[in-house]
């Protein structure tokens, strides 16, 4: 097998795209653990714009499907760590009459 040595000081770094950051969110929600059922559980997603992602999740204690709008360009580590507790806060919940798939929606685009 040929060995190719790369000099990191001259290699160009790739710019992270919004799609790459959206993939981080989706991968984290789909495979958070190996033996424990994830909570919240990702049911689906919709890319509204290059920097706006709607997550469809369900969680214990909240009936129905919750839509969570996030910006992949935001602070992903903080968002993903806080997501299980933030989506249970009733004062953040609104009704989205334009989306027939959800019981309520939460806007975390500027969180």
C-alpha atoms as a PDB file:
ATOM      1  CA  UNK A   1       0.000   0.000   0.000  1.00  0.00           C
ATOM      2  CA  UNK A   2       1.521   3.354  -0.964  1.00  0.00           C
ATOM      3  CA  UNK A   3       2.182   5.792   1.863  1.00  0.00           C
ATOM      4  CA  UNK A   4       1.503   9.438   1.114  1.00  0.00           C
ATOM      5  CA  UNK A   5       2.932  11.915   3.586  1.00  0.00           C
ATOM      6  CA  UNK A   6       1.131  15.209   3.997  1.00  0.00           C
ATOM      7  CA  UNK A   7       2.750  18.311   5.405  1.00  0.00           C
ATOM      8  CA  UNK A   8       0.017  19.934   7.562  1.00  0.00           C
ATOM      9  CA  UNK A   9       1.730  23.319   7.388  1.00  0.00           C
ATOM     10  CA  UNK A  10       1.090  23.590   3.642  1.00  0.00           C
ATOM     11  CA  UNK A  11      -2.198  21.665   3.403  1.00  0.00           C
ATOM     12  CA  UNK A  12      -5.277  23.812   2.812  1.00  0.00           C
ATOM     13  CA  UNK A  13      -8.027  23.420   5.374  1.00  0.00           C
ATOM     14  CA  UNK A  14     -11.544  22.846   4.186  1.00  0.00           C
ATOM     15  CA  UNK A  15     -14.163  25.410   5.144  1.00  0.00           C
ATOM     16  CA  UNK A  16     -16.999  23.911   7.148  1.00  0.00           C
ATOM     17  CA  UNK A  17     -20.314  24.346   5.331  1.00  0.00           C
ATOM     18  CA  UNK A  18     -23.794  24.689   6.882  1.00  0.00           C
ATOM     19  CA  UNK A  19     -24.548  21.198   5.568  1.00  0.00           C
ATOM     20  CA  UNK A  20     -21.559  19.817   7.501  1.00  0.00           C
ATOM     21  CA  UNK A  21     -22.809  21.448  10.701  1.00  0.00           C
ATOM     22  CA  UNK A  22     -26.363  20.180  10.105  1.00  0.00           C
ATOM     23  CA  UNK A  23     -24.909  16.695   9.717  1.00  0.00           C
ATOM     24  CA  UNK A  24     -23.235  17.059  13.141  1.00  0.00           C
ATOM     25  CA  UNK A  25     -26.612  17.833  14.719  1.00  0.00           C
ATOM     26  CA  UNK A  26     -28.343  14.908  13.013  1.00  0.00           C
ATOM     27  CA  UNK A  27     -25.569  12.405  13.743  1.00  0.00           C
ATOM     28  CA  UNK A  28     -25.473  13.425  17.416  1.00  0.00           C
ATOM     29  CA  UNK A  29     -29.230  13.007  17.838  1.00  0.00           C
ATOM     30  CA  UNK A  30     -29.390   9.685  16.005  1.00  0.00           C
ATOM     31  CA  UNK A  31     -26.447   7.950  17.714  1.00  0.00           C
ATOM     32  CA  UNK A  32     -26.036   9.455  21.189  1.00  0.00           C
ATOM     33  CA  UNK A  33     -25.693   6.129  23.030  1.00  0.00           C
ATOM     34  CA  UNK A  34     -25.250   2.471  22.209  1.00  0.00           C
ATOM     35  CA  UNK A  35     -27.676   0.816  24.637  1.00  0.00           C
ATOM     36  CA  UNK A  36     -30.049   3.525  25.865  1.00  0.00           C
ATOM     37  CA  UNK A  37     -32.983   4.806  23.840  1.00  0.00           C
ATOM     38  CA  UNK A  38     -32.282   8.467  23.020  1.00  0.00           C
ATOM     39  CA  UNK A  39     -34.449  11.178  24.544  1.00  0.00           C
ATOM     40  CA  UNK A  40     -35.392  13.270  22.635  1.00  0.00           C
ATOM     41  CA  UNK A  41     -35.791  10.842  19.759  1.00  0.00           C
ATOM     42  CA  UNK A  42     -35.276  12.275  16.280  1.00  0.00           C
ATOM     43  CA  UNK A  43     -38.198  11.423  13.998  1.00  0.00           C
ATOM     44  CA  UNK A  44     -37.169  13.509  10.997  1.00  0.00           C
ATOM     45  CA  UNK A  45     -35.785  16.799   9.805  1.00  0.00           C
ATOM     46  CA  UNK A  46     -36.332  19.479   7.194  1.00  0.00           C
ATOM     47  CA  UNK A  47     -33.738  21.903   5.826  1.00  0.00           C
ATOM     48  CA  UNK A  48     -35.617  25.182   5.399  1.00  0.00           C
ATOM     49  CA  UNK A  49     -32.631  27.261   4.305  1.00  0.00           C
ATOM     50  CA  UNK A  50     -28.874  26.675   4.226  1.00  0.00           C
ATOM     51  CA  UNK A  51     -28.704  27.828   7.860  1.00  0.00           C
ATOM     52  CA  UNK A  52     -32.108  26.797   9.210  1.00  0.00           C
ATOM     53  CA  UNK A  53     -32.919  23.249  10.212  1.00  0.00           C
ATOM     54  CA  UNK A  54     -36.217  21.975  11.633  1.00  0.00           C
ATOM     55  CA  UNK A  55     -35.930  18.886  13.806  1.00  0.00           C
ATOM     56  CA  UNK A  56     -38.960  16.711  14.443  1.00  0.00           C
ATOM     57  CA  UNK A  57     -38.517  15.036  17.825  1.00  0.00           C
ATOM     58  CA  UNK A  58     -40.537  13.245  20.444  1.00  0.00           C
ATOM     59  CA  UNK A  59     -39.747  13.100  24.115  1.00  0.00           C
ATOM     60  CA  UNK A  60     -41.132  11.390  27.174  1.00  0.00           C
ATOM     61  CA  UNK A  61     -43.678  13.450  29.067  1.00  0.00           C
ATOM     62  CA  UNK A  62     -44.685  15.626  26.092  1.00  0.00           C
ATOM     63  CA  UNK A  63     -47.464  14.241  23.900  1.00  0.00           C
ATOM     64  CA  UNK A  64     -47.118  14.477  20.137  1.00  0.00           C
ATOM     65  CA  UNK A  65     -44.317  15.617  17.883  1.00  0.00           C
ATOM     66  CA  UNK A  66     -42.255  18.697  18.688  1.00  0.00           C
ATOM     67  CA  UNK A  67     -40.684  20.817  15.951  1.00  0.00           C
ATOM     68  CA  UNK A  68     -37.422  22.450  16.993  1.00  0.00           C
ATOM     69  CA  UNK A  69     -35.969  25.137  14.713  1.00  0.00           C
ATOM     70  CA  UNK A  70     -32.181  25.513  15.034  1.00  0.00           C
ATOM     71  CA  UNK A  71     -29.362  27.250  13.186  1.00  0.00           C
ATOM     72  CA  UNK A  72     -26.470  24.924  12.333  1.00  0.00           C
ATOM     73  CA  UNK A  73     -24.111  27.928  12.398  1.00  0.00           C
ATOM     74  CA  UNK A  74     -24.837  28.485  16.110  1.00  0.00           C
ATOM     75  CA  UNK A  75     -23.216  27.006  19.209  1.00  0.00           C
ATOM     76  CA  UNK A  76     -23.849  23.317  18.506  1.00  0.00           C
ATOM     77  CA  UNK A  77     -22.213  21.850  21.594  1.00  0.00           C
ATOM     78  CA  UNK A  78     -24.295  23.978  23.948  1.00  0.00           C
ATOM     79  CA  UNK A  79     -27.477  23.413  21.951  1.00  0.00           C
ATOM     80  CA  UNK A  80     -27.115  19.645  21.799  1.00  0.00           C
ATOM     81  CA  UNK A  81     -26.260  19.412  25.497  1.00  0.00           C
ATOM     82  CA  UNK A  82     -29.243  21.541  26.539  1.00  0.00           C
ATOM     83  CA  UNK A  83     -31.788  20.246  24.018  1.00  0.00           C
ATOM     84  CA  UNK A  84     -33.350  17.533  26.240  1.00  0.00           C
ATOM     85  CA  UNK A  85     -34.182  20.032  28.981  1.00  0.00           C
ATOM     86  CA  UNK A  86     -34.947  23.066  26.785  1.00  0.00           C
ATOM     87  CA  UNK A  87     -37.668  21.315  24.792  1.00  0.00           C
ATOM     88  CA  UNK A  88     -39.579  20.506  27.984  1.00  0.00           C
ATOM     89  CA  UNK A  89     -39.942  24.191  28.935  1.00  0.00           C
ATOM     90  CA  UNK A  90     -43.595  24.991  28.283  1.00  0.00           C
ATOM     91  CA  UNK A  91     -43.035  28.756  27.984  1.00  0.00           C
ATOM     92  CA  UNK A  92     -40.951  28.151  24.828  1.00  0.00           C
ATOM     93  CA  UNK A  93     -43.689  26.130  23.110  1.00  0.00           C
ATOM     94  CA  UNK A  94     -45.831  27.713  20.416  1.00  0.00           C
ATOM     95  CA  UNK A  95     -48.392  26.399  17.953  1.00  0.00           C
ATOM     96  CA  UNK A  96     -47.301  26.203  14.321  1.00  0.00           C
ATOM     97  CA  UNK A  97     -50.472  26.088  12.275  1.00  0.00           C
ATOM     98  CA  UNK A  98     -48.492  25.967   9.014  1.00  0.00           C
ATOM     99  CA  UNK A  99     -46.969  22.569   9.843  1.00  0.00           C
ATOM    100  CA  UNK A 100     -49.600  19.824  10.197  1.00  0.00           C
ATOM    101  CA  UNK A 101     -47.016  17.301  11.419  1.00  0.00           C
ATOM    102  CA  UNK A 102     -46.372  18.857  14.834  1.00  0.00           C
ATOM    103  CA  UNK A 103     -48.260  19.380  18.070  1.00  0.00           C
ATOM    104  CA  UNK A 104     -46.093  22.350  19.033  1.00  0.00           C
ATOM    105  CA  UNK A 105     -42.935  24.144  17.924  1.00  0.00           C
ATOM    106  CA  UNK A 106     -39.921  25.617  19.668  1.00  0.00           C
ATOM    107  CA  UNK A 107     -37.741  28.308  18.115  1.00  0.00           C
ATOM    108  CA  UNK A 108     -34.087  27.903  19.140  1.00  0.00           C
ATOM    109  CA  UNK A 109     -32.634  29.752  16.163  1.00  0.00           C
ATOM    110  CA  UNK A 110     -31.187  32.496  18.363  1.00  0.00           C
ATOM    111  CA  UNK A 111     -30.599  30.443  21.490  1.00  0.00           C
END
